[in-house]
Amino acid sequence: MEIPTMATTTFTFRVGDELKSQFANAAKAHDRSGAQLLRDFMREYVRRQGEMAAHEARHRQRTQTGIESVDRGEAVSSEEVKGDGAA
């Protein structure tokens, strides 16, 4: 099985000297480079954002389904729900 090669690009940003040094030392203490940790962070951030977007889309769909159910007159009143709970 052939492993696809990943196109790369340089990502440049500014950070204070002290933070850069602390980050590099923390990365080195875990046998990682700062670049490796930043790539990991970026992947995790993108993954979490995708999960959040999917969750929000599911929530919007459930809300819309509920609204459409009410519009069709299929809603159950709170009194009916309370009555069913007491029975």
PDB file of N, CA and C in Angstrom:
ATOM      1  N   MET A   1       0.834  -1.176   0.000  1.00  0.00           N
ATOM      2  CA  MET A   1       0.000   0.000   0.000  1.00  0.00           C
ATOM      3  C   MET A   1       0.878   1.238   0.000  1.00  0.00           C
ATOM      4  N   GLU A   2       0.609   2.119  -0.914  1.00  0.00           N
ATOM      5  CA  GLU A   2       1.403   3.338  -1.021  1.00  0.00           C
ATOM      6  C   GLU A   2       0.885   4.392  -0.064  1.00  0.00           C
ATOM      7  N   ILE A   3       1.795   4.994   0.680  1.00  0.00           N
ATOM      8  CA  ILE A   3       1.423   6.061   1.610  1.00  0.00           C
ATOM      9  C   ILE A   3       1.485   7.379   0.854  1.00  0.00           C
ATOM     10  N   PRO A   4       0.370   8.137   0.828  1.00  0.00           N
ATOM     11  CA  PRO A   4       0.378   9.398   0.091  1.00  0.00           C
ATOM     12  C   PRO A   4       1.305  10.409   0.750  1.00  0.00           C
ATOM     13  N   THR A   5       1.966  11.172  -0.078  1.00  0.00           N
ATOM     14  CA  THR A   5       2.826  12.222   0.455  1.00  0.00           C
ATOM     15  C   THR A   5       1.973  13.443   0.747  1.00  0.00           C
ATOM     16  N   MET A   6       2.354  14.145   1.797  1.00  0.00           N
ATOM     17  CA  MET A   6       1.596  15.303   2.218  1.00  0.00           C
ATOM     18  C   MET A   6       2.300  16.562   1.718  1.00  0.00           C
ATOM     19  N   ALA A   7       1.558  17.387   1.001  1.00  0.00           N
ATOM     20  CA  ALA A   7       2.110  18.669   0.584  1.00  0.00           C
ATOM     21  C   ALA A   7       2.282  19.523   1.832  1.00  0.00           C
ATOM     22  N   THR A   8       3.350  20.259   1.904  1.00  0.00           N
ATOM     23  CA  THR A   8       3.602  21.085   3.076  1.00  0.00           C
ATOM     24  C   THR A   8       3.759  22.538   2.677  1.00  0.00           C
ATOM     25  N   THR A   9       3.525  23.374   3.647  1.00  0.00           N
ATOM     26  CA  THR A   9       3.721  24.801   3.470  1.00  0.00           C
ATOM     27  C   THR A   9       4.226  25.363   4.787  1.00  0.00           C
ATOM     28  N   THR A  10       4.823  26.511   4.739  1.00  0.00           N
ATOM     29  CA  THR A  10       5.332  27.143   5.950  1.00  0.00           C
ATOM     30  C   THR A  10       4.254  28.015   6.558  1.00  0.00           C
ATOM     31  N   PHE A  11       4.121  27.917   7.871  1.00  0.00           N
ATOM     32  CA  PHE A  11       3.142  28.689   8.622  1.00  0.00           C
ATOM     33  C   PHE A  11       3.938  29.576   9.568  1.00  0.00           C
ATOM     34  N   THR A  12       3.873  30.868   9.372  1.00  0.00           N
ATOM     35  CA  THR A  12       4.678  31.795  10.156  1.00  0.00           C
ATOM     36  C   THR A  12       3.786  32.682  11.004  1.00  0.00           C
ATOM     37  N   PHE A  13       4.152  32.836  12.272  1.00  0.00           N
ATOM     38  CA  PHE A  13       3.436  33.758  13.150  1.00  0.00           C
ATOM     39  C   PHE A  13       4.399  34.299  14.195  1.00  0.00           C
ATOM     40  N   ARG A  14       4.006  35.370  14.829  1.00  0.00           N
ATOM     41  CA  ARG A  14       4.857  36.009  15.835  1.00  0.00           C
ATOM     42  C   ARG A  14       4.460  35.541  17.226  1.00  0.00           C
ATOM     43  N   VAL A  15       5.482  35.359  18.048  1.00  0.00           N
ATOM     44  CA  VAL A  15       5.278  34.982  19.436  1.00  0.00           C
ATOM     45  C   VAL A  15       6.440  35.565  20.239  1.00  0.00           C
ATOM     46  N   GLY A  16       6.185  35.877  21.481  1.00  0.00           N
ATOM     47  CA  GLY A  16       7.240  36.448  22.328  1.00  0.00           C
ATOM     48  C   GLY A  16       8.383  35.470  22.535  1.00  0.00           C
ATOM     49  N   ASP A  17       9.581  36.016  22.731  1.00  0.00           N
ATOM     50  CA  ASP A  17      10.775  35.182  22.915  1.00  0.00           C
ATOM     51  C   ASP A  17      10.629  34.242  24.110  1.00  0.00           C
ATOM     52  N   GLU A  18      10.081  34.739  25.220  1.00  0.00           N
ATOM     53  CA  GLU A  18       9.958  33.916  26.422  1.00  0.00           C
ATOM     54  C   GLU A  18       9.008  32.742  26.188  1.00  0.00           C
ATOM     55  N   LEU A  19       7.862  33.015  25.568  1.00  0.00           N
ATOM     56  CA  LEU A  19       6.909  31.946  25.290  1.00  0.00           C
ATOM     57  C   LEU A  19       7.516  30.925  24.329  1.00  0.00           C
ATOM     58  N   LYS A  20       8.209  31.410  23.303  1.00  0.00           N
ATOM     59  CA  LYS A  20       8.837  30.492  22.347  1.00  0.00           C
ATOM     60  C   LYS A  20       9.840  29.581  23.051  1.00  0.00           C
ATOM     61  N   SER A  21      10.633  30.139  23.930  1.00  0.00           N
ATOM     62  CA  SER A  21      11.634  29.366  24.652  1.00  0.00           C
ATOM     63  C   SER A  21      10.969  28.354  25.586  1.00  0.00           C
ATOM     64  N   GLN A  22       9.947  28.787  26.315  1.00  0.00           N
ATOM     65  CA  GLN A  22       9.238  27.876  27.217  1.00  0.00           C
ATOM     66  C   GLN A  22       8.587  26.734  26.442  1.00  0.00           C
ATOM     67  N   PHE A  23       7.997  27.065  25.316  1.00  0.00           N
ATOM     68  CA  PHE A  23       7.336  26.054  24.494  1.00  0.00           C
ATOM     69  C   PHE A  23       8.354  25.054  23.961  1.00  0.00           C
ATOM     70  N   ALA A  24       9.464  25.545  23.454  1.00  0.00           N
ATOM     71  CA  ALA A  24      10.510  24.669  22.922  1.00  0.00           C
ATOM     72  C   ALA A  24      11.040  23.744  24.017  1.00  0.00           C
ATOM     73  N   ASN A  25      11.229  24.275  25.212  1.00  0.00           N
ATOM     74  CA  ASN A  25      11.719  23.454  26.327  1.00  0.00           C
ATOM     75  C   ASN A  25      10.687  22.403  26.737  1.00  0.00           C
ATOM     76  N   ALA A  26       9.419  22.775  26.773  1.00  0.00           N
ATOM     77  CA  ALA A  26       8.357  21.830  27.129  1.00  0.00           C
ATOM     78  C   ALA A  26       8.260  20.729  26.073  1.00  0.00           C
ATOM     79  N   ALA A  27       8.375  21.101  24.815  1.00  0.00           N
ATOM     80  CA  ALA A  27       8.322  20.113  23.735  1.00  0.00           C
ATOM     81  C   ALA A  27       9.504  19.153  23.836  1.00  0.00           C
ATOM     82  N   LYS A  28      10.677  19.708  24.064  1.00  0.00           N
ATOM     83  CA  LYS A  28      11.898  18.892  24.157  1.00  0.00           C
ATOM     84  C   LYS A  28      11.810  17.923  25.331  1.00  0.00           C
ATOM     85  N   ALA A  29      11.200  18.344  26.427  1.00  0.00           N
ATOM     86  CA  ALA A  29      11.060  17.488  27.607  1.00  0.00           C
ATOM     87  C   ALA A  29      10.201  16.263  27.306  1.00  0.00           C
ATOM     88  N   HIS A  30       9.387  16.344  26.268  1.00  0.00           N
ATOM     89  CA  HIS A  30       8.540  15.219  25.859  1.00  0.00           C
ATOM     90  C   HIS A  30       9.011  14.609  24.533  1.00  0.00           C
ATOM     91  N   ASP A  31      10.267  14.849  24.204  1.00  0.00           N
ATOM     92  CA  ASP A  31      10.877  14.306  22.988  1.00  0.00           C
ATOM     93  C   ASP A  31      10.089  14.641  21.733  1.00  0.00           C
ATOM     94  N   ARG A  32       9.577  15.838  21.674  1.00  0.00           N
ATOM     95  CA  ARG A  32       8.830  16.321  20.504  1.00  0.00           C
ATOM     96  C   ARG A  32       9.418  17.651  20.090  1.00  0.00           C
ATOM     97  N   SER A  33       9.219  17.992  18.836  1.00  0.00           N
ATOM     98  CA  SER A  33       9.607  19.333  18.396  1.00  0.00           C
ATOM     99  C   SER A  33       8.402  20.244  18.542  1.00  0.00           C
ATOM    100  N   GLY A  34       8.669  21.508  18.610  1.00  0.00           N
ATOM    101  CA  GLY A  34       7.570  22.474  18.666  1.00  0.00           C
ATOM    102  C   GLY A  34       6.676  22.340  17.444  1.00  0.00           C
ATOM    103  N   ALA A  35       7.273  22.097  16.288  1.00  0.00           N
ATOM    104  CA  ALA A  35       6.494  21.952  15.054  1.00  0.00           C
ATOM    105  C   ALA A  35       5.563  20.744  15.135  1.00  0.00           C
ATOM    106  N   GLN A  36       6.055  19.638  15.707  1.00  0.00           N
ATOM    107  CA  GLN A  36       5.206  18.458  15.855  1.00  0.00           C
ATOM    108  C   GLN A  36       4.009  18.766  16.752  1.00  0.00           C
ATOM    109  N   LEU A  37       4.262  19.433  17.868  1.00  0.00           N
ATOM    110  CA  LEU A  37       3.178  19.763  18.789  1.00  0.00           C
ATOM    111  C   LEU A  37       2.178  20.725  18.162  1.00  0.00           C
ATOM    112  N   LEU A  38       2.661  21.691  17.411  1.00  0.00           N
ATOM    113  CA  LEU A  38       1.748  22.633  16.756  1.00  0.00           C
ATOM    114  C   LEU A  38       0.899  21.939  15.704  1.00  0.00           C
ATOM    115  N   ARG A  39       1.498  21.015  14.949  1.00  0.00           N
ATOM    116  CA  ARG A  39       0.705  20.246  13.976  1.00  0.00           C
ATOM    117  C   ARG A  39      -0.359  19.414  14.686  1.00  0.00           C
ATOM    118  N   ASP A  40       0.036  18.774  15.800  1.00  0.00           N
ATOM    119  CA  ASP A  40      -0.932  17.994  16.580  1.00  0.00           C
ATOM    120  C   ASP A  40      -2.068  18.879  17.070  1.00  0.00           C
ATOM    121  N   PHE A  41      -1.712  20.053  17.588  1.00  0.00           N
ATOM    122  CA  PHE A  41      -2.723  20.986  18.076  1.00  0.00           C
ATOM    123  C   PHE A  41      -3.670  21.387  16.951  1.00  0.00           C
ATOM    124  N   MET A  42      -3.123  21.699  15.800  1.00  0.00           N
ATOM    125  CA  MET A  42      -3.952  22.127  14.672  1.00  0.00           C
ATOM    126  C   MET A  42      -4.907  21.014  14.243  1.00  0.00           C
ATOM    127  N   ARG A  43      -4.396  19.776  14.156  1.00  0.00           N
ATOM    128  CA  ARG A  43      -5.259  18.648  13.783  1.00  0.00           C
ATOM    129  C   ARG A  43      -6.390  18.466  14.792  1.00  0.00           C
ATOM    130  N   GLU A  44      -6.046  18.523  16.076  1.00  0.00           N
ATOM    131  CA  GLU A  44      -7.042  18.340  17.128  1.00  0.00           C
ATOM    132  C   GLU A  44      -8.079  19.470  17.102  1.00  0.00           C
ATOM    133  N   TYR A  45      -7.620  20.682  16.882  1.00  0.00           N
ATOM    134  CA  TYR A  45      -8.528  21.829  16.827  1.00  0.00           C
ATOM    135  C   TYR A  45      -9.506  21.682  15.653  1.00  0.00           C
ATOM    136  N   VAL A  46      -9.007  21.308  14.499  1.00  0.00           N
ATOM    137  CA  VAL A  46      -9.854  21.109  13.318  1.00  0.00           C
ATOM    138  C   VAL A  46     -10.848  19.979  13.566  1.00  0.00           C
ATOM    139  N   ARG A  47     -10.386  18.884  14.196  1.00  0.00           N
ATOM    140  CA  ARG A  47     -11.268  17.756  14.505  1.00  0.00           C
ATOM    141  C   ARG A  47     -12.392  18.194  15.446  1.00  0.00           C
ATOM    142  N   ARG A  48     -12.024  18.915  16.514  1.00  0.00           N
ATOM    143  CA  ARG A  48     -13.044  19.362  17.478  1.00  0.00           C
ATOM    144  C   ARG A  48     -14.033  20.326  16.848  1.00  0.00           C
ATOM    145  N   GLN A  49     -13.551  21.219  16.002  1.00  0.00           N
ATOM    146  CA  GLN A  49     -14.453  22.159  15.335  1.00  0.00           C
ATOM    147  C   GLN A  49     -15.421  21.421  14.427  1.00  0.00           C
ATOM    148  N   GLY A  50     -14.935  20.382  13.751  1.00  0.00           N
ATOM    149  CA  GLY A  50     -15.804  19.573  12.903  1.00  0.00           C
ATOM    150  C   GLY A  50     -16.868  18.863  13.719  1.00  0.00           C
ATOM    151  N   GLU A  51     -16.473  18.317  14.876  1.00  0.00           N
ATOM    152  CA  GLU A  51     -17.444  17.659  15.756  1.00  0.00           C
ATOM    153  C   GLU A  51     -18.489  18.646  16.252  1.00  0.00           C
ATOM    154  N   MET A  52     -18.043  19.846  16.633  1.00  0.00           N
ATOM    155  CA  MET A  52     -18.980  20.863  17.121  1.00  0.00           C
ATOM    156  C   MET A  52     -19.943  21.282  16.022  1.00  0.00           C
ATOM    157  N   ALA A  53     -19.447  21.453  14.829  1.00  0.00           N
ATOM    158  CA  ALA A  53     -20.313  21.835  13.707  1.00  0.00           C
ATOM    159  C   ALA A  53     -21.337  20.748  13.431  1.00  0.00           C
ATOM    160  N   ALA A  54     -20.922  19.484  13.500  1.00  0.00           N
ATOM    161  CA  ALA A  54     -21.851  18.377  13.273  1.00  0.00           C
ATOM    162  C   ALA A  54     -22.899  18.331  14.384  1.00  0.00           C
ATOM    163  N   HIS A  55     -22.474  18.555  15.621  1.00  0.00           N
ATOM    164  CA  HIS A  55     -23.410  18.574  16.742  1.00  0.00           C
ATOM    165  C   HIS A  55     -24.432  19.698  16.573  1.00  0.00           C
ATOM    166  N   GLU A  56     -23.957  20.881  16.205  1.00  0.00           N
ATOM    167  CA  GLU A  56     -24.860  22.015  16.001  1.00  0.00           C
ATOM    168  C   GLU A  56     -25.835  21.749  14.862  1.00  0.00           C
ATOM    169  N   ALA A  57     -25.372  21.100  13.807  1.00  0.00           N
ATOM    170  CA  ALA A  57     -26.249  20.779  12.676  1.00  0.00           C
ATOM    171  C   ALA A  57     -27.332  19.793  13.120  1.00  0.00           C
ATOM    172  N   ARG A  58     -26.950  18.777  13.924  1.00  0.00           N
ATOM    173  CA  ARG A  58     -27.947  17.832  14.439  1.00  0.00           C
ATOM    174  C   ARG A  58     -28.957  18.540  15.330  1.00  0.00           C
ATOM    175  N   HIS A  59     -28.475  19.451  16.173  1.00  0.00           N
ATOM    176  CA  HIS A  59     -29.366  20.201  17.056  1.00  0.00           C
ATOM    177  C   HIS A  59     -30.345  21.063  16.253  1.00  0.00           C
ATOM    178  N   ARG A  60     -29.826  21.750  15.237  1.00  0.00           N
ATOM    179  CA  ARG A  60     -30.701  22.572  14.387  1.00  0.00           C
ATOM    180  C   ARG A  60     -31.743  21.706  13.688  1.00  0.00           C
ATOM    181  N   GLN A  61     -31.358  20.516  13.240  1.00  0.00           N
ATOM    182  CA  GLN A  61     -32.294  19.620  12.567  1.00  0.00           C
ATOM    183  C   GLN A  61     -33.371  19.138  13.528  1.00  0.00           C
ATOM    184  N   ARG A  62     -32.979  18.756  14.746  1.00  0.00           N
ATOM    185  CA  ARG A  62     -33.977  18.315  15.732  1.00  0.00           C
ATOM    186  C   ARG A  62     -34.929  19.459  16.086  1.00  0.00           C
ATOM    187  N   THR A  63     -34.397  20.661  16.220  1.00  0.00           N
ATOM    188  CA  THR A  63     -35.243  21.815  16.518  1.00  0.00           C
ATOM    189  C   THR A  63     -36.227  22.051  15.383  1.00  0.00           C
ATOM    190  N   GLN A  64     -35.739  21.992  14.144  1.00  0.00           N
ATOM    191  CA  GLN A  64     -36.613  22.196  12.985  1.00  0.00           C
ATOM    192  C   GLN A  64     -37.684  21.117  12.916  1.00  0.00           C
ATOM    193  N   THR A  65     -37.314  19.889  13.216  1.00  0.00           N
ATOM    194  CA  THR A  65     -38.283  18.791  13.227  1.00  0.00           C
ATOM    195  C   THR A  65     -39.363  19.059  14.271  1.00  0.00           C
ATOM    196  N   GLY A  66     -38.969  19.558  15.430  1.00  0.00           N
ATOM    197  CA  GLY A  66     -39.932  19.892  16.468  1.00  0.00           C
ATOM    198  C   GLY A  66     -40.862  21.004  16.054  1.00  0.00           C
ATOM    199  N   ILE A  67     -40.305  22.028  15.419  1.00  0.00           N
ATOM    200  CA  ILE A  67     -41.128  23.150  14.943  1.00  0.00           C
ATOM    201  C   ILE A  67     -42.139  22.654  13.918  1.00  0.00           C
ATOM    202  N   GLU A  68     -41.689  21.814  13.004  1.00  0.00           N
ATOM    203  CA  GLU A  68     -42.595  21.284  11.980  1.00  0.00           C
ATOM    204  C   GLU A  68     -43.680  20.408  12.610  1.00  0.00           C
ATOM    205  N   SER A  69     -43.336  19.673  13.654  1.00  0.00           N
ATOM    206  CA  SER A  69     -44.307  18.844  14.359  1.00  0.00           C
ATOM    207  C   SER A  69     -45.381  19.720  15.006  1.00  0.00           C
ATOM    208  N   VAL A  70     -44.974  20.813  15.615  1.00  0.00           N
ATOM    209  CA  VAL A  70     -45.927  21.753  16.224  1.00  0.00           C
ATOM    210  C   VAL A  70     -46.804  22.351  15.139  1.00  0.00           C
ATOM    211  N   ASP A  71     -46.198  22.743  14.027  1.00  0.00           N
ATOM    212  CA  ASP A  71     -46.963  23.335  12.924  1.00  0.00           C
ATOM    213  C   ASP A  71     -48.028  22.368  12.393  1.00  0.00           C
ATOM    214  N   ARG A  72     -47.752  21.065  12.452  1.00  0.00           N
ATOM    215  CA  ARG A  72     -48.718  20.069  11.982  1.00  0.00           C
ATOM    216  C   ARG A  72     -49.749  19.715  13.059  1.00  0.00           C
ATOM    217  N   GLY A  73     -49.613  20.317  14.235  1.00  0.00           N
ATOM    218  CA  GLY A  73     -50.544  20.045  15.325  1.00  0.00           C
ATOM    219  C   GLY A  73     -50.240  18.761  16.068  1.00  0.00           C
ATOM    220  N   GLU A  74     -49.025  18.292  15.976  1.00  0.00           N
ATOM    221  CA  GLU A  74     -48.642  17.028  16.609  1.00  0.00           C
ATOM    222  C   GLU A  74     -47.995  17.231  17.975  1.00  0.00           C
ATOM    223  N   ALA A  75     -48.041  18.444  18.497  1.00  0.00           N
ATOM    224  CA  ALA A  75     -47.391  18.728  19.767  1.00  0.00           C
ATOM    225  C   ALA A  75     -48.214  18.180  20.921  1.00  0.00           C
ATOM    226  N   VAL A  76     -47.539  17.877  22.004  1.00  0.00           N
ATOM    227  CA  VAL A  76     -48.185  17.415  23.224  1.00  0.00           C
ATOM    228  C   VAL A  76     -48.031  18.519  24.257  1.00  0.00           C
ATOM    229  N   SER A  77     -49.119  18.896  24.904  1.00  0.00           N
ATOM    230  CA  SER A  77     -49.057  19.970  25.897  1.00  0.00           C
ATOM    231  C   SER A  77     -48.338  19.492  27.145  1.00  0.00           C
ATOM    232  N   SER A  78     -47.843  20.453  27.914  1.00  0.00           N
ATOM    233  CA  SER A  78     -47.163  20.093  29.162  1.00  0.00           C
ATOM    234  C   SER A  78     -48.121  19.419  30.129  1.00  0.00           C
ATOM    235  N   GLU A  79     -49.409  19.801  30.100  1.00  0.00           N
ATOM    236  CA  GLU A  79     -50.395  19.162  30.966  1.00  0.00           C
ATOM    237  C   GLU A  79     -50.538  17.675  30.619  1.00  0.00           C
ATOM    238  N   GLU A  80     -50.545  17.369  29.310  1.00  0.00           N
ATOM    239  CA  GLU A  80     -50.636  15.974  28.874  1.00  0.00           C
ATOM    240  C   GLU A  80     -49.423  15.178  29.333  1.00  0.00           C
ATOM    241  N   VAL A  81     -48.264  15.797  29.238  1.00  0.00           N
ATOM    242  CA  VAL A  81     -47.040  15.118  29.658  1.00  0.00           C
ATOM    243  C   VAL A  81     -47.076  14.878  31.164  1.00  0.00           C
ATOM    244  N   LYS A  82     -47.491  15.885  31.936  1.00  0.00           N
ATOM    245  CA  LYS A  82     -47.590  15.736  33.379  1.00  0.00           C
ATOM    246  C   LYS A  82     -48.610  14.660  33.739  1.00  0.00           C
ATOM    247  N   GLY A  83     -49.724  14.631  33.021  1.00  0.00           N
ATOM    248  CA  GLY A  83     -50.757  13.613  33.262  1.00  0.00           C
ATOM    249  C   GLY A  83     -50.264  12.219  32.991  1.00  0.00           C
ATOM    250  N   ASP A  84     -49.476  12.058  31.904  1.00  0.00           N
ATOM    251  CA  ASP A  84     -48.927  10.743  31.579  1.00  0.00           C
ATOM    252  C   ASP A  84     -47.931  10.298  32.644  1.00  0.00           C
ATOM    253  N   GLY A  85     -47.224  11.250  33.189  1.00  0.00           N
ATOM    254  CA  GLY A  85     -46.229  10.925  34.225  1.00  0.00           C
ATOM    255  C   GLY A  85     -46.892  10.490  35.518  1.00  0.00           C
ATOM    256  N   ALA A  86     -48.058  11.071  35.823  1.00  0.00           N
ATOM    257  CA  ALA A  86     -48.764  10.723  37.051  1.00  0.00           C
ATOM    258  C   ALA A  86     -49.447   9.358  36.939  1.00  0.00           C
ATOM    259  N   ALA A  87     -49.755   8.965  35.722  1.00  0.00           N
ATOM    260  CA  ALA A  87     -50.476   7.696  35.519  1.00  0.00           C
ATOM    261  C   ALA A  87     -49.569   6.545  35.590  1.00  0.00           C
TER     262      ALA A  87
END
